[in-house]
Amino acid sequence: MIKIKVKCFSQVRYALEIDNLNLEFESGTSTFQLEKFIRGKANGKLDGIPLRVALNKKYIPDETELHDGDEVAFIPPVQGG
């Protein structure tokens, strides 16, 4: 098992109604699988919203395997107004 921290910003925070999540997953879990899990918890509130993934405070371009102690942030597009 691995423990990871998920930081929630903007629409993700609104959809989940929480700032941070501490989660446990099986070893070998990827950022893609985590995003699928987060979208499922949002009950459709994140449907159609593209999310950038930051792993340990660095944007990552592709699916990446998670490790114990990782910090992941899902960041929606910046909105102006």
PDB file of N, CA and C in Angstrom:
ATOM      1  N   MET A   1       0.841  -1.190   0.000  1.00  0.00           N
ATOM      2  CA  MET A   1       0.000   0.000   0.000  1.00  0.00           C
ATOM      3  C   MET A   1       0.884   1.252   0.000  1.00  0.00           C
ATOM      4  N   ILE A   2       0.396   2.277  -0.686  1.00  0.00           N
ATOM      5  CA  ILE A   2       1.077   3.567  -0.673  1.00  0.00           C
ATOM      6  C   ILE A   2       0.116   4.626  -0.150  1.00  0.00           C
ATOM      7  N   LYS A   3       0.669   5.618   0.505  1.00  0.00           N
ATOM      8  CA  LYS A   3      -0.126   6.740   0.989  1.00  0.00           C
ATOM      9  C   LYS A   3       0.246   7.961   0.166  1.00  0.00           C
ATOM     10  N   ILE A   4      -0.773   8.667  -0.328  1.00  0.00           N
ATOM     11  CA  ILE A   4      -0.536   9.881  -1.093  1.00  0.00           C
ATOM     12  C   ILE A   4      -1.436  10.990  -0.584  1.00  0.00           C
ATOM     13  N   LYS A   5      -1.023  12.209  -0.861  1.00  0.00           N
ATOM     14  CA  LYS A   5      -1.815  13.386  -0.500  1.00  0.00           C
ATOM     15  C   LYS A   5      -2.276  14.034  -1.790  1.00  0.00           C
ATOM     16  N   VAL A   6      -3.552  14.370  -1.855  1.00  0.00           N
ATOM     17  CA  VAL A   6      -4.117  15.057  -3.018  1.00  0.00           C
ATOM     18  C   VAL A   6      -4.525  16.457  -2.582  1.00  0.00           C
ATOM     19  N   LYS A   7      -4.020  17.453  -3.284  1.00  0.00           N
ATOM     20  CA  LYS A   7      -4.379  18.849  -3.027  1.00  0.00           C
ATOM     21  C   LYS A   7      -5.446  19.235  -4.053  1.00  0.00           C
ATOM     22  N   CYS A   8      -6.509  19.855  -3.581  1.00  0.00           N
ATOM     23  CA  CYS A   8      -7.638  20.207  -4.439  1.00  0.00           C
ATOM     24  C   CYS A   8      -7.708  21.714  -4.634  1.00  0.00           C
ATOM     25  N   PHE A   9      -7.752  22.132  -5.885  1.00  0.00           N
ATOM     26  CA  PHE A   9      -7.817  23.553  -6.219  1.00  0.00           C
ATOM     27  C   PHE A   9      -9.063  23.844  -7.048  1.00  0.00           C
ATOM     28  N   SER A  10      -9.566  25.054  -6.947  1.00  0.00           N
ATOM     29  CA  SER A  10     -10.616  25.609  -7.802  1.00  0.00           C
ATOM     30  C   SER A  10     -11.802  24.654  -7.954  1.00  0.00           C
ATOM     31  N   GLN A  11     -12.101  24.252  -9.176  1.00  0.00           N
ATOM     32  CA  GLN A  11     -13.277  23.427  -9.439  1.00  0.00           C
ATOM     33  C   GLN A  11     -13.187  22.062  -8.774  1.00  0.00           C
ATOM     34  N   VAL A  12     -11.987  21.554  -8.595  1.00  0.00           N
ATOM     35  CA  VAL A  12     -11.814  20.264  -7.919  1.00  0.00           C
ATOM     36  C   VAL A  12     -12.212  20.408  -6.454  1.00  0.00           C
ATOM     37  N   ARG A  13     -11.769  21.475  -5.824  1.00  0.00           N
ATOM     38  CA  ARG A  13     -12.139  21.740  -4.424  1.00  0.00           C
ATOM     39  C   ARG A  13     -13.652  21.931  -4.302  1.00  0.00           C
ATOM     40  N   TYR A  14     -14.230  22.659  -5.245  1.00  0.00           N
ATOM     41  CA  TYR A  14     -15.683  22.871  -5.228  1.00  0.00           C
ATOM     42  C   TYR A  14     -16.423  21.543  -5.391  1.00  0.00           C
ATOM     43  N   ALA A  15     -15.969  20.722  -6.324  1.00  0.00           N
ATOM     44  CA  ALA A  15     -16.653  19.455  -6.610  1.00  0.00           C
ATOM     45  C   ALA A  15     -16.563  18.479  -5.440  1.00  0.00           C
ATOM     46  N   LEU A  16     -15.411  18.428  -4.772  1.00  0.00           N
ATOM     47  CA  LEU A  16     -15.210  17.473  -3.676  1.00  0.00           C
ATOM     48  C   LEU A  16     -15.525  18.057  -2.309  1.00  0.00           C
ATOM     49  N   GLU A  17     -15.633  19.393  -2.241  1.00  0.00           N
ATOM     50  CA  GLU A  17     -15.911  20.105  -0.999  1.00  0.00           C
ATOM     51  C   GLU A  17     -14.850  19.827   0.071  1.00  0.00           C
ATOM     52  N   ILE A  18     -13.578  19.797  -0.384  1.00  0.00           N
ATOM     53  CA  ILE A  18     -12.466  19.557   0.534  1.00  0.00           C
ATOM     54  C   ILE A  18     -11.186  20.123  -0.087  1.00  0.00           C
ATOM     55  N   ASP A  19     -10.248  20.547   0.757  1.00  0.00           N
ATOM     56  CA  ASP A  19      -8.985  21.111   0.274  1.00  0.00           C
ATOM     57  C   ASP A  19      -7.919  20.043   0.026  1.00  0.00           C
ATOM     58  N   ASN A  20      -7.871  19.035   0.883  1.00  0.00           N
ATOM     59  CA  ASN A  20      -6.847  17.995   0.801  1.00  0.00           C
ATOM     60  C   ASN A  20      -7.456  16.638   1.097  1.00  0.00           C
ATOM     61  N   LEU A  21      -6.903  15.624   0.454  1.00  0.00           N
ATOM     62  CA  LEU A  21      -7.299  14.246   0.728  1.00  0.00           C
ATOM     63  C   LEU A  21      -6.049  13.437   1.022  1.00  0.00           C
ATOM     64  N   ASN A  22      -6.100  12.598   2.016  1.00  0.00           N
ATOM     65  CA  ASN A  22      -5.041  11.634   2.283  1.00  0.00           C
ATOM     66  C   ASN A  22      -5.612  10.265   1.946  1.00  0.00           C
ATOM     67  N   LEU A  23      -4.988   9.601   0.961  1.00  0.00           N
ATOM     68  CA  LEU A  23      -5.541   8.356   0.427  1.00  0.00           C
ATOM     69  C   LEU A  23      -4.514   7.246   0.458  1.00  0.00           C
ATOM     70  N   GLU A  24      -5.006   6.014   0.455  1.00  0.00           N
ATOM     71  CA  GLU A  24      -4.156   4.831   0.338  1.00  0.00           C
ATOM     72  C   GLU A  24      -4.584   4.054  -0.887  1.00  0.00           C
ATOM     73  N   PHE A  25      -3.587   3.615  -1.669  1.00  0.00           N
ATOM     74  CA  PHE A  25      -3.831   2.828  -2.868  1.00  0.00           C
ATOM     75  C   PHE A  25      -2.842   1.679  -2.917  1.00  0.00           C
ATOM     76  N   GLU A  26      -3.122   0.734  -3.790  1.00  0.00           N
ATOM     77  CA  GLU A  26      -2.202  -0.371  -4.032  1.00  0.00           C
ATOM     78  C   GLU A  26      -0.945   0.159  -4.711  1.00  0.00           C
ATOM     79  N   SER A  27       0.185  -0.454  -4.444  1.00  0.00           N
ATOM     80  CA  SER A  27       1.416  -0.121  -5.168  1.00  0.00           C
ATOM     81  C   SER A  27       1.158  -0.315  -6.654  1.00  0.00           C
ATOM     82  N   GLY A  28       1.762   0.541  -7.466  1.00  0.00           N
ATOM     83  CA  GLY A  28       1.567   0.459  -8.907  1.00  0.00           C
ATOM     84  C   GLY A  28       0.446   1.338  -9.432  1.00  0.00           C
ATOM     85  N   THR A  29      -0.286   2.024  -8.540  1.00  0.00           N
ATOM     86  CA  THR A  29      -1.348   2.933  -8.968  1.00  0.00           C
ATOM     87  C   THR A  29      -0.730   4.104  -9.720  1.00  0.00           C
ATOM     88  N   SER A  30      -1.417   4.529 -10.788  1.00  0.00           N
ATOM     89  CA  SER A  30      -0.900   5.622 -11.620  1.00  0.00           C
ATOM     90  C   SER A  30      -1.703   6.902 -11.415  1.00  0.00           C
ATOM     91  N   THR A  31      -1.149   7.986 -11.928  1.00  0.00           N
ATOM     92  CA  THR A  31      -1.859   9.268 -11.864  1.00  0.00           C
ATOM     93  C   THR A  31      -3.172   9.184 -12.644  1.00  0.00           C
ATOM     94  N   PHE A  32      -3.194   8.415 -13.730  1.00  0.00           N
ATOM     95  CA  PHE A  32      -4.427   8.236 -14.506  1.00  0.00           C
ATOM     96  C   PHE A  32      -5.495   7.563 -13.649  1.00  0.00           C
ATOM     97  N   GLN A  33      -5.120   6.521 -12.929  1.00  0.00           N
ATOM     98  CA  GLN A  33      -6.069   5.815 -12.067  1.00  0.00           C
ATOM     99  C   GLN A  33      -6.554   6.716 -10.934  1.00  0.00           C
ATOM    100  N   LEU A  34      -5.646   7.516 -10.393  1.00  0.00           N
ATOM    101  CA  LEU A  34      -6.031   8.446  -9.336  1.00  0.00           C
ATOM    102  C   LEU A  34      -7.010   9.487  -9.872  1.00  0.00           C
ATOM    103  N   GLU A  35      -6.743  10.019 -11.051  1.00  0.00           N
ATOM    104  CA  GLU A  35      -7.668  11.000 -11.631  1.00  0.00           C
ATOM    105  C   GLU A  35      -9.046  10.381 -11.841  1.00  0.00           C
ATOM    106  N   LYS A  36      -9.084   9.156 -12.306  1.00  0.00           N
ATOM    107  CA  LYS A  36     -10.360   8.449 -12.493  1.00  0.00           C
ATOM    108  C   LYS A  36     -11.099   8.330 -11.153  1.00  0.00           C
ATOM    109  N   PHE A  37     -10.373   8.014 -10.084  1.00  0.00           N
ATOM    110  CA  PHE A  37     -10.947   7.918  -8.745  1.00  0.00           C
ATOM    111  C   PHE A  37     -11.512   9.270  -8.305  1.00  0.00           C
ATOM    112  N   ILE A  38     -10.735  10.346  -8.491  1.00  0.00           N
ATOM    113  CA  ILE A  38     -11.162  11.691  -8.085  1.00  0.00           C
ATOM    114  C   ILE A  38     -12.404  12.110  -8.869  1.00  0.00           C
ATOM    115  N   ARG A  39     -12.405  11.863 -10.162  1.00  0.00           N
ATOM    116  CA  ARG A  39     -13.583  12.208 -10.978  1.00  0.00           C
ATOM    117  C   ARG A  39     -14.813  11.436 -10.509  1.00  0.00           C
ATOM    118  N   GLY A  40     -14.626  10.188 -10.101  1.00  0.00           N
ATOM    119  CA  GLY A  40     -15.735   9.384  -9.581  1.00  0.00           C
ATOM    120  C   GLY A  40     -16.288   9.961  -8.285  1.00  0.00           C
ATOM    121  N   LYS A  41     -15.416  10.433  -7.407  1.00  0.00           N
ATOM    122  CA  LYS A  41     -15.853  11.047  -6.146  1.00  0.00           C
ATOM    123  C   LYS A  41     -16.620  12.347  -6.394  1.00  0.00           C
ATOM    124  N   ALA A  42     -16.368  12.993  -7.537  1.00  0.00           N
ATOM    125  CA  ALA A  42     -17.003  14.277  -7.842  1.00  0.00           C
ATOM    126  C   ALA A  42     -18.418  14.123  -8.396  1.00  0.00           C
ATOM    127  N   ASN A  43     -18.857  12.900  -8.614  1.00  0.00           N
ATOM    128  CA  ASN A  43     -20.231  12.638  -9.078  1.00  0.00           C
ATOM    129  C   ASN A  43     -20.629  13.478 -10.286  1.00  0.00           C
ATOM    130  N   GLY A  44     -19.744  13.537 -11.279  1.00  0.00           N
ATOM    131  CA  GLY A  44     -20.065  14.232 -12.528  1.00  0.00           C
ATOM    132  C   GLY A  44     -19.745  15.713 -12.550  1.00  0.00           C
ATOM    133  N   LYS A  45     -19.388  16.299 -11.411  1.00  0.00           N
ATOM    134  CA  LYS A  45     -19.127  17.739 -11.359  1.00  0.00           C
ATOM    135  C   LYS A  45     -17.846  18.137 -12.104  1.00  0.00           C
ATOM    136  N   LEU A  46     -16.988  17.157 -12.417  1.00  0.00           N
ATOM    137  CA  LEU A  46     -15.758  17.459 -13.157  1.00  0.00           C
ATOM    138  C   LEU A  46     -15.811  16.946 -14.595  1.00  0.00           C
ATOM    139  N   ASP A  47     -16.954  16.430 -15.004  1.00  0.00           N
ATOM    140  CA  ASP A  47     -17.097  15.928 -16.371  1.00  0.00           C
ATOM    141  C   ASP A  47     -16.832  17.043 -17.372  1.00  0.00           C
ATOM    142  N   GLY A  48     -16.010  16.756 -18.358  1.00  0.00           N
ATOM    143  CA  GLY A  48     -15.708  17.722 -19.406  1.00  0.00           C
ATOM    144  C   GLY A  48     -14.679  18.773 -19.022  1.00  0.00           C
ATOM    145  N   ILE A  49     -14.177  18.732 -17.807  1.00  0.00           N
ATOM    146  CA  ILE A  49     -13.177  19.716 -17.363  1.00  0.00           C
ATOM    147  C   ILE A  49     -11.793  19.074 -17.468  1.00  0.00           C
ATOM    148  N   PRO A  50     -10.929  19.634 -18.314  1.00  0.00           N
ATOM    149  CA  PRO A  50      -9.575  19.078 -18.403  1.00  0.00           C
ATOM    150  C   PRO A  50      -8.782  19.435 -17.149  1.00  0.00           C
ATOM    151  N   LEU A  51      -8.003  18.493 -16.668  1.00  0.00           N
ATOM    152  CA  LEU A  51      -7.204  18.717 -15.471  1.00  0.00           C
ATOM    153  C   LEU A  51      -5.734  18.485 -15.776  1.00  0.00           C
ATOM    154  N   ARG A  52      -4.889  19.409 -15.341  1.00  0.00           N
ATOM    155  CA  ARG A  52      -3.443  19.198 -15.401  1.00  0.00           C
ATOM    156  C   ARG A  52      -3.045  18.510 -14.104  1.00  0.00           C
ATOM    157  N   VAL A  53      -2.016  17.706 -14.203  1.00  0.00           N
ATOM    158  CA  VAL A  53      -1.558  16.952 -13.038  1.00  0.00           C
ATOM    159  C   VAL A  53      -0.181  17.446 -12.626  1.00  0.00           C
ATOM    160  N   ALA A  54      -0.059  17.761 -11.340  1.00  0.00           N
ATOM    161  CA  ALA A  54       1.247  18.094 -10.774  1.00  0.00           C
ATOM    162  C   ALA A  54       1.589  17.005  -9.761  1.00  0.00           C
ATOM    163  N   LEU A  55       2.779  16.473  -9.889  1.00  0.00           N
ATOM    164  CA  LEU A  55       3.264  15.437  -8.990  1.00  0.00           C
ATOM    165  C   LEU A  55       4.465  16.000  -8.240  1.00  0.00           C
ATOM    166  N   ASN A  56       4.332  16.091  -6.930  1.00  0.00           N
ATOM    167  CA  ASN A  56       5.387  16.666  -6.089  1.00  0.00           C
ATOM    168  C   ASN A  56       5.801  18.047  -6.586  1.00  0.00           C
ATOM    169  N   LYS A  57       4.777  18.860  -6.875  1.00  0.00           N
ATOM    170  CA  LYS A  57       4.901  20.275  -7.259  1.00  0.00           C
ATOM    171  C   LYS A  57       5.516  20.504  -8.641  1.00  0.00           C
ATOM    172  N   LYS A  58       5.508  19.474  -9.498  1.00  0.00           N
ATOM    173  CA  LYS A  58       5.983  19.624 -10.874  1.00  0.00           C
ATOM    174  C   LYS A  58       4.934  19.058 -11.821  1.00  0.00           C
ATOM    175  N   TYR A  59       4.596  19.827 -12.862  1.00  0.00           N
ATOM    176  CA  TYR A  59       3.661  19.319 -13.860  1.00  0.00           C
ATOM    177  C   TYR A  59       4.272  18.108 -14.555  1.00  0.00           C
ATOM    178  N   ILE A  60       3.432  17.105 -14.784  1.00  0.00           N
ATOM    179  CA  ILE A  60       3.899  15.927 -15.506  1.00  0.00           C
ATOM    180  C   ILE A  60       3.087  15.805 -16.791  1.00  0.00           C
ATOM    181  N   PRO A  61       3.736  15.410 -17.887  1.00  0.00           N
ATOM    182  CA  PRO A  61       3.032  15.362 -19.169  1.00  0.00           C
ATOM    183  C   PRO A  61       2.259  14.069 -19.403  1.00  0.00           C
ATOM    184  N   ASP A  62       2.662  12.984 -18.757  1.00  0.00           N
ATOM    185  CA  ASP A  62       2.074  11.676 -19.043  1.00  0.00           C
ATOM    186  C   ASP A  62       1.693  10.958 -17.758  1.00  0.00           C
ATOM    187  N   GLU A  63       1.008   9.832 -17.939  1.00  0.00           N
ATOM    188  CA  GLU A  63       0.657   8.974 -16.820  1.00  0.00           C
ATOM    189  C   GLU A  63       1.934   8.518 -16.111  1.00  0.00           C
ATOM    190  N   THR A  64       1.918   8.598 -14.791  1.00  0.00           N
ATOM    191  CA  THR A  64       3.100   8.278 -13.995  1.00  0.00           C
ATOM    192  C   THR A  64       2.696   7.402 -12.813  1.00  0.00           C
ATOM    193  N   GLU A  65       3.531   6.441 -12.480  1.00  0.00           N
ATOM    194  CA  GLU A  65       3.270   5.591 -11.321  1.00  0.00           C
ATOM    195  C   GLU A  65       3.490   6.393 -10.041  1.00  0.00           C
ATOM    196  N   LEU A  66       2.586   6.221  -9.098  1.00  0.00           N
ATOM    197  CA  LEU A  66       2.679   6.921  -7.815  1.00  0.00           C
ATOM    198  C   LEU A  66       3.489   6.106  -6.816  1.00  0.00           C
ATOM    199  N   HIS A  67       4.122   6.821  -5.886  1.00  0.00           N
ATOM    200  CA  HIS A  67       4.926   6.180  -4.840  1.00  0.00           C
ATOM    201  C   HIS A  67       4.497   6.708  -3.473  1.00  0.00           C
ATOM    202  N   ASP A  68       4.824   5.948  -2.450  1.00  0.00           N
ATOM    203  CA  ASP A  68       4.471   6.318  -1.085  1.00  0.00           C
ATOM    204  C   ASP A  68       4.994   7.719  -0.770  1.00  0.00           C
ATOM    205  N   GLY A  69       4.121   8.565  -0.232  1.00  0.00           N
ATOM    206  CA  GLY A  69       4.489   9.917   0.159  1.00  0.00           C
ATOM    207  C   GLY A  69       4.329  10.965  -0.925  1.00  0.00           C
ATOM    208  N   ASP A  70       3.920  10.567  -2.126  1.00  0.00           N
ATOM    209  CA  ASP A  70       3.735  11.543  -3.209  1.00  0.00           C
ATOM    210  C   ASP A  70       2.617  12.521  -2.888  1.00  0.00           C
ATOM    211  N   GLU A  71       2.758  13.726  -3.445  1.00  0.00           N
ATOM    212  CA  GLU A  71       1.719  14.748  -3.359  1.00  0.00           C
ATOM    213  C   GLU A  71       1.253  15.038  -4.785  1.00  0.00           C
ATOM    214  N   VAL A  72      -0.050  14.930  -4.997  1.00  0.00           N
ATOM    215  CA  VAL A  72      -0.626  15.132  -6.325  1.00  0.00           C
ATOM    216  C   VAL A  72      -1.622  16.279  -6.258  1.00  0.00           C
ATOM    217  N   ALA A  73      -1.575  17.120  -7.274  1.00  0.00           N
ATOM    218  CA  ALA A  73      -2.564  18.201  -7.401  1.00  0.00           C
ATOM    219  C   ALA A  73      -3.206  18.103  -8.773  1.00  0.00           C
ATOM    220  N   PHE A  74      -4.521  18.202  -8.814  1.00  0.00           N
ATOM    221  CA  PHE A  74      -5.258  18.260 -10.070  1.00  0.00           C
ATOM    222  C   PHE A  74      -5.678  19.705 -10.247  1.00  0.00           C
ATOM    223  N   ILE A  75      -5.214  20.311 -11.326  1.00  0.00           N
ATOM    224  CA  ILE A  75      -5.392  21.739 -11.509  1.00  0.00           C
ATOM    225  C   ILE A  75      -6.218  21.996 -12.759  1.00  0.00           C
ATOM    226  N   PRO A  76      -7.416  22.568 -12.598  1.00  0.00           N
ATOM    227  CA  PRO A  76      -8.253  22.876 -13.749  1.00  0.00           C
ATOM    228  C   PRO A  76      -7.729  24.123 -14.475  1.00  0.00           C
ATOM    229  N   PRO A  77      -8.250  24.393 -15.663  1.00  0.00           N
ATOM    230  CA  PRO A  77      -7.803  25.583 -16.378  1.00  0.00           C
ATOM    231  C   PRO A  77      -8.089  26.859 -15.586  1.00  0.00           C
ATOM    232  N   VAL A  78      -7.236  27.830 -15.770  1.00  0.00           N
ATOM    233  CA  VAL A  78      -7.408  29.122 -15.090  1.00  0.00           C
ATOM    234  C   VAL A  78      -8.610  29.826 -15.687  1.00  0.00           C
ATOM    235  N   GLN A  79      -9.436  30.393 -14.825  1.00  0.00           N
ATOM    236  CA  GLN A  79     -10.609  31.133 -15.275  1.00  0.00           C
ATOM    237  C   GLN A  79     -10.406  32.610 -15.022  1.00  0.00           C
ATOM    238  N   GLY A  80     -10.864  33.389 -15.939  1.00  0.00           N
ATOM    239  CA  GLY A  80     -10.758  34.846 -15.770  1.00  0.00           C
ATOM    240  C   GLY A  80     -12.127  35.482 -15.695  1.00  0.00           C
ATOM    241  N   GLY A  81     -12.105  36.764 -15.458  1.00  0.00           N
ATOM    242  CA  GLY A  81     -13.409  37.395 -15.432  1.00  0.00           C
ATOM    243  C   GLY A  81     -13.390  38.758 -14.878  1.00  0.00           C
TER     244      GLY A  81
END
